[in-house]
Amino acid sequence: MVRRSFASLREWIEMPARISAEIQGSFPQDVREQHYIGRPLDLLLMWFVKIEAWILEQSLYQ
């Protein structure tokens, strides 16, 4: 349930789908992703912190 919610909420902060998939632990699906695109942990952390802040902000309004 958490993975599905995370995947749905990522659209609110306009997180790229492949960034979301990588944070969720999915393996790259195509050749380009597997061999040519390397994402450093700092980049993934930046997006993770952004969605975490958005979720916490929304919880204050509920």
PDB file of N, CA and C in Angstrom:
ATOM      1  N   MET A   1       0.813  -1.189   0.000  1.00  0.00           N
ATOM      2  CA  MET A   1       0.000   0.000   0.000  1.00  0.00           C
ATOM      3  C   MET A   1       0.865   1.264   0.000  1.00  0.00           C
ATOM      4  N   VAL A   2       1.967   1.237   0.732  1.00  0.00           N
ATOM      5  CA  VAL A   2       2.837   2.408   0.790  1.00  0.00           C
ATOM      6  C   VAL A   2       3.460   2.686  -0.582  1.00  0.00           C
ATOM      7  N   ARG A   3       3.878   1.623  -1.277  1.00  0.00           N
ATOM      8  CA  ARG A   3       4.476   1.812  -2.607  1.00  0.00           C
ATOM      9  C   ARG A   3       3.482   2.440  -3.572  1.00  0.00           C
ATOM     10  N   ARG A   4       2.239   1.981  -3.517  1.00  0.00           N
ATOM     11  CA  ARG A   4       1.207   2.516  -4.402  1.00  0.00           C
ATOM     12  C   ARG A   4       0.920   3.979  -4.077  1.00  0.00           C
ATOM     13  N   SER A   5       0.851   4.290  -2.791  1.00  0.00           N
ATOM     14  CA  SER A   5       0.606   5.671  -2.370  1.00  0.00           C
ATOM     15  C   SER A   5       1.758   6.570  -2.802  1.00  0.00           C
ATOM     16  N   PHE A   6       2.980   6.103  -2.601  1.00  0.00           N
ATOM     17  CA  PHE A   6       4.155   6.876  -2.992  1.00  0.00           C
ATOM     18  C   PHE A   6       4.120   7.155  -4.495  1.00  0.00           C
ATOM     19  N   ALA A   7       3.792   6.135  -5.275  1.00  0.00           N
ATOM     20  CA  ALA A   7       3.743   6.288  -6.727  1.00  0.00           C
ATOM     21  C   ALA A   7       2.668   7.287  -7.139  1.00  0.00           C
ATOM     22  N   SER A   8       1.565   7.316  -6.422  1.00  0.00           N
ATOM     23  CA  SER A   8       0.491   8.256  -6.736  1.00  0.00           C
ATOM     24  C   SER A   8       0.839   9.679  -6.293  1.00  0.00           C
ATOM     25  N   LEU A   9       1.418   9.805  -5.117  1.00  0.00           N
ATOM     26  CA  LEU A   9       1.729  11.131  -4.578  1.00  0.00           C
ATOM     27  C   LEU A   9       2.866  11.822  -5.315  1.00  0.00           C
ATOM     28  N   ARG A  10       3.720  11.056  -5.959  1.00  0.00           N
ATOM     29  CA  ARG A  10       4.856  11.661  -6.664  1.00  0.00           C
ATOM     30  C   ARG A  10       4.404  12.648  -7.734  1.00  0.00           C
ATOM     31  N   GLU A  11       3.198  12.455  -8.257  1.00  0.00           N
ATOM     32  CA  GLU A  11       2.700  13.355  -9.290  1.00  0.00           C
ATOM     33  C   GLU A  11       2.447  14.760  -8.755  1.00  0.00           C
ATOM     34  N   TRP A  12       2.159  14.887  -7.467  1.00  0.00           N
ATOM     35  CA  TRP A  12       1.896  16.195  -6.882  1.00  0.00           C
ATOM     36  C   TRP A  12       3.149  17.069  -6.868  1.00  0.00           C
ATOM     37  N   ILE A  13       4.310  16.454  -6.768  1.00  0.00           N
ATOM     38  CA  ILE A  13       5.548  17.248  -6.770  1.00  0.00           C
ATOM     39  C   ILE A  13       6.275  17.153  -8.109  1.00  0.00           C
ATOM     40  N   GLU A  14       5.611  16.522  -9.087  1.00  0.00           N
ATOM     41  CA  GLU A  14       6.145  16.380 -10.444  1.00  0.00           C
ATOM     42  C   GLU A  14       7.478  15.638 -10.478  1.00  0.00           C
ATOM     43  N   MET A  15       7.583  14.599  -9.655  1.00  0.00           N
ATOM     44  CA  MET A  15       8.772  13.758  -9.638  1.00  0.00           C
ATOM     45  C   MET A  15       8.769  12.879 -10.889  1.00  0.00           C
ATOM     46  N   PRO A  16       9.871  12.806 -11.618  1.00  0.00           N
ATOM     47  CA  PRO A  16       9.930  11.913 -12.781  1.00  0.00           C
ATOM     48  C   PRO A  16       9.649  10.461 -12.388  1.00  0.00           C
ATOM     49  N   ALA A  17       8.950   9.751 -13.252  1.00  0.00           N
ATOM     50  CA  ALA A  17       8.530   8.376 -12.961  1.00  0.00           C
ATOM     51  C   ALA A  17       9.716   7.458 -12.674  1.00  0.00           C
ATOM     52  N   ARG A  18      10.793   7.574 -13.418  1.00  0.00           N
ATOM     53  CA  ARG A  18      11.940   6.676 -13.208  1.00  0.00           C
ATOM     54  C   ARG A  18      12.651   6.968 -11.889  1.00  0.00           C
ATOM     55  N   ILE A  19      12.647   8.227 -11.459  1.00  0.00           N
ATOM     56  CA  ILE A  19      13.223   8.560 -10.149  1.00  0.00           C
ATOM     57  C   ILE A  19      12.394   7.872  -9.072  1.00  0.00           C
ATOM     58  N   SER A  20      11.082   7.989  -9.189  1.00  0.00           N
ATOM     59  CA  SER A  20      10.176   7.351  -8.235  1.00  0.00           C
ATOM     60  C   SER A  20      10.388   5.841  -8.210  1.00  0.00           C
ATOM     61  N   ALA A  21      10.484   5.238  -9.375  1.00  0.00           N
ATOM     62  CA  ALA A  21      10.676   3.791  -9.459  1.00  0.00           C
ATOM     63  C   ALA A  21      11.994   3.377  -8.810  1.00  0.00           C
ATOM     64  N   GLU A  22      13.033   4.158  -9.026  1.00  0.00           N
ATOM     65  CA  GLU A  22      14.330   3.811  -8.445  1.00  0.00           C
ATOM     66  C   GLU A  22      14.310   3.951  -6.923  1.00  0.00           C
ATOM     67  N   ILE A  23      13.656   4.979  -6.415  1.00  0.00           N
ATOM     68  CA  ILE A  23      13.537   5.137  -4.960  1.00  0.00           C
ATOM     69  C   ILE A  23      12.767   3.960  -4.369  1.00  0.00           C
ATOM     70  N   GLN A  24      11.767   3.463  -5.108  1.00  0.00           N
ATOM     71  CA  GLN A  24      10.954   2.349  -4.635  1.00  0.00           C
ATOM     72  C   GLN A  24      11.655   1.003  -4.790  1.00  0.00           C
ATOM     73  N   GLY A  25      12.821   1.002  -5.420  1.00  0.00           N
ATOM     74  CA  GLY A  25      13.591  -0.231  -5.522  1.00  0.00           C
ATOM     75  C   GLY A  25      13.426  -0.994  -6.822  1.00  0.00           C
ATOM     76  N   SER A  26      12.782  -0.399  -7.818  1.00  0.00           N
ATOM     77  CA  SER A  26      12.623  -1.067  -9.114  1.00  0.00           C
ATOM     78  C   SER A  26      13.929  -1.021  -9.892  1.00  0.00           C
ATOM     79  N   PHE A  27      14.175  -2.048 -10.666  1.00  0.00           N
ATOM     80  CA  PHE A  27      15.355  -2.083 -11.513  1.00  0.00           C
ATOM     81  C   PHE A  27      15.066  -1.390 -12.834  1.00  0.00           C
ATOM     82  N   PRO A  28      16.092  -0.807 -13.453  1.00  0.00           N
ATOM     83  CA  PRO A  28      15.899  -0.163 -14.754  1.00  0.00           C
ATOM     84  C   PRO A  28      15.306  -1.149 -15.770  1.00  0.00           C
ATOM     85  N   GLN A  29      14.398  -0.673 -16.600  1.00  0.00           N
ATOM     86  CA  GLN A  29      13.695  -1.537 -17.533  1.00  0.00           C
ATOM     87  C   GLN A  29      14.308  -1.567 -18.929  1.00  0.00           C
ATOM     88  N   ASP A  30      14.845  -0.477 -19.397  1.00  0.00           N
ATOM     89  CA  ASP A  30      15.359  -0.457 -20.764  1.00  0.00           C
ATOM     90  C   ASP A  30      16.881  -0.305 -20.777  1.00  0.00           C
ATOM     91  N   VAL A  31      17.452  -0.495 -21.936  1.00  0.00           N
ATOM     92  CA  VAL A  31      18.908  -0.462 -22.097  1.00  0.00           C
ATOM     93  C   VAL A  31      19.461   0.897 -21.693  1.00  0.00           C
ATOM     94  N   ARG A  32      18.786   1.947 -22.094  1.00  0.00           N
ATOM     95  CA  ARG A  32      19.252   3.299 -21.778  1.00  0.00           C
ATOM     96  C   ARG A  32      19.362   3.482 -20.267  1.00  0.00           C
ATOM     97  N   GLU A  33      18.334   3.086 -19.538  1.00  0.00           N
ATOM     98  CA  GLU A  33      18.340   3.209 -18.084  1.00  0.00           C
ATOM     99  C   GLU A  33      19.409   2.319 -17.455  1.00  0.00           C
ATOM    100  N   GLN A  34      19.591   1.125 -17.991  1.00  0.00           N
ATOM    101  CA  GLN A  34      20.529   0.166 -17.411  1.00  0.00           C
ATOM    102  C   GLN A  34      21.985   0.581 -17.584  1.00  0.00           C
ATOM    103  N   HIS A  35      22.307   1.150 -18.734  1.00  0.00           N
ATOM    104  CA  HIS A  35      23.718   1.347 -19.069  1.00  0.00           C
ATOM    105  C   HIS A  35      24.184   2.797 -19.161  1.00  0.00           C
ATOM    106  N   TYR A  36      23.275   3.732 -19.404  1.00  0.00           N
ATOM    107  CA  TYR A  36      23.720   5.090 -19.689  1.00  0.00           C
ATOM    108  C   TYR A  36      23.324   6.121 -18.640  1.00  0.00           C
ATOM    109  N   ILE A  37      22.339   5.803 -17.835  1.00  0.00           N
ATOM    110  CA  ILE A  37      21.880   6.785 -16.856  1.00  0.00           C
ATOM    111  C   ILE A  37      22.230   6.292 -15.458  1.00  0.00           C
ATOM    112  N   GLY A  38      23.161   6.994 -14.848  1.00  0.00           N
ATOM    113  CA  GLY A  38      23.528   6.682 -13.471  1.00  0.00           C
ATOM    114  C   GLY A  38      23.069   7.814 -12.575  1.00  0.00           C
ATOM    115  N   ARG A  39      22.263   7.496 -11.606  1.00  0.00           N
ATOM    116  CA  ARG A  39      21.760   8.536 -10.709  1.00  0.00           C
ATOM    117  C   ARG A  39      22.469   8.411  -9.364  1.00  0.00           C
ATOM    118  N   PRO A  40      23.157   9.467  -8.953  1.00  0.00           N
ATOM    119  CA  PRO A  40      23.811   9.422  -7.638  1.00  0.00           C
ATOM    120  C   PRO A  40      22.766   9.448  -6.524  1.00  0.00           C
ATOM    121  N   LEU A  41      23.139   8.916  -5.390  1.00  0.00           N
ATOM    122  CA  LEU A  41      22.222   8.888  -4.247  1.00  0.00           C
ATOM    123  C   LEU A  41      21.777  10.281  -3.830  1.00  0.00           C
ATOM    124  N   ASP A  42      22.647  11.274  -4.007  1.00  0.00           N
ATOM    125  CA  ASP A  42      22.277  12.646  -3.646  1.00  0.00           C
ATOM    126  C   ASP A  42      21.088  13.140  -4.466  1.00  0.00           C
ATOM    127  N   LEU A  43      21.029  12.745  -5.727  1.00  0.00           N
ATOM    128  CA  LEU A  43      19.899  13.138  -6.578  1.00  0.00           C
ATOM    129  C   LEU A  43      18.617  12.466  -6.103  1.00  0.00           C
ATOM    130  N   LEU A  44      18.698  11.174  -5.790  1.00  0.00           N
ATOM    131  CA  LEU A  44      17.521  10.463  -5.285  1.00  0.00           C
ATOM    132  C   LEU A  44      17.091  11.032  -3.933  1.00  0.00           C
ATOM    133  N   LEU A  45      18.063  11.364  -3.088  1.00  0.00           N
ATOM    134  CA  LEU A  45      17.759  11.939  -1.782  1.00  0.00           C
ATOM    135  C   LEU A  45      17.048  13.281  -1.929  1.00  0.00           C
ATOM    136  N   MET A  46      17.484  14.094  -2.878  1.00  0.00           N
ATOM    137  CA  MET A  46      16.855  15.391  -3.105  1.00  0.00           C
ATOM    138  C   MET A  46      15.359  15.221  -3.377  1.00  0.00           C
ATOM    139  N   TRP A  47      15.009  14.270  -4.251  1.00  0.00           N
ATOM    140  CA  TRP A  47      13.606  14.022  -4.569  1.00  0.00           C
ATOM    141  C   TRP A  47      12.872  13.404  -3.395  1.00  0.00           C
ATOM    142  N   PHE A  48      13.514  12.516  -2.661  1.00  0.00           N
ATOM    143  CA  PHE A  48      12.881  11.887  -1.508  1.00  0.00           C
ATOM    144  C   PHE A  48      12.548  12.932  -0.449  1.00  0.00           C
ATOM    145  N   VAL A  49      13.479  13.827  -0.180  1.00  0.00           N
ATOM    146  CA  VAL A  49      13.252  14.892   0.802  1.00  0.00           C
ATOM    147  C   VAL A  49      12.111  15.797   0.347  1.00  0.00           C
ATOM    148  N   LYS A  50      12.053  16.058  -0.947  1.00  0.00           N
ATOM    149  CA  LYS A  50      10.995  16.915  -1.490  1.00  0.00           C
ATOM    150  C   LYS A  50       9.613  16.282  -1.283  1.00  0.00           C
ATOM    151  N   ILE A  51       9.463  14.998  -1.573  1.00  0.00           N
ATOM    152  CA  ILE A  51       8.158  14.358  -1.383  1.00  0.00           C
ATOM    153  C   ILE A  51       7.835  14.209   0.102  1.00  0.00           C
ATOM    154  N   GLU A  52       8.864  13.948   0.916  1.00  0.00           N
ATOM    155  CA  GLU A  52       8.630  13.849   2.359  1.00  0.00           C
ATOM    156  C   GLU A  52       8.122  15.178   2.905  1.00  0.00           C
ATOM    157  N   ALA A  53       8.726  16.277   2.498  1.00  0.00           N
ATOM    158  CA  ALA A  53       8.296  17.599   2.956  1.00  0.00           C
ATOM    159  C   ALA A  53       6.867  17.884   2.508  1.00  0.00           C
ATOM    160  N   TRP A  54       6.527  17.492   1.282  1.00  0.00           N
ATOM    161  CA  TRP A  54       5.179  17.719   0.778  1.00  0.00           C
ATOM    162  C   TRP A  54       4.165  16.921   1.594  1.00  0.00           C
ATOM    163  N   ILE A  55       4.478  15.665   1.889  1.00  0.00           N
ATOM    164  CA  ILE A  55       3.566  14.808   2.676  1.00  0.00           C
ATOM    165  C   ILE A  55       3.380  15.413   4.073  1.00  0.00           C
ATOM    166  N   LEU A  56       4.453  15.830   4.707  1.00  0.00           N
ATOM    167  CA  LEU A  56       4.357  16.415   6.045  1.00  0.00           C
ATOM    168  C   LEU A  56       3.560  17.720   6.022  1.00  0.00           C
ATOM    169  N   GLU A  57       3.777  18.526   4.997  1.00  0.00           N
ATOM    170  CA  GLU A  57       3.024  19.768   4.853  1.00  0.00           C
ATOM    171  C   GLU A  57       1.532  19.488   4.708  1.00  0.00           C
ATOM    172  N   GLN A  58       1.194  18.501   3.907  1.00  0.00           N
ATOM    173  CA  GLN A  58      -0.218  18.168   3.707  1.00  0.00           C
ATOM    174  C   GLN A  58      -0.857  17.626   4.981  1.00  0.00           C
ATOM    175  N   SER A  59      -0.077  16.919   5.789  1.00  0.00           N
ATOM    176  CA  SER A  59      -0.626  16.359   7.021  1.00  0.00           C
ATOM    177  C   SER A  59      -0.985  17.450   8.028  1.00  0.00           C
ATOM    178  N   LEU A  60      -0.326  18.596   7.937  1.00  0.00           N
ATOM    179  CA  LEU A  60      -0.633  19.702   8.834  1.00  0.00           C
ATOM    180  C   LEU A  60      -1.997  20.316   8.531  1.00  0.00           C
ATOM    181  N   TYR A  61      -2.431  20.213   7.272  1.00  0.00           N
ATOM    182  CA  TYR A  61      -3.697  20.806   6.865  1.00  0.00           C
ATOM    183  C   TYR A  61      -4.881  19.889   7.112  1.00  0.00           C
ATOM    184  N   GLN A  62      -4.641  18.653   7.476  1.00  0.00           N
ATOM    185  CA  GLN A  62      -5.748  17.704   7.670  1.00  0.00           C
ATOM    186  C   GLN A  62      -6.290  17.780   9.038  1.00  0.00           C
TER     187      GLN A  62
END
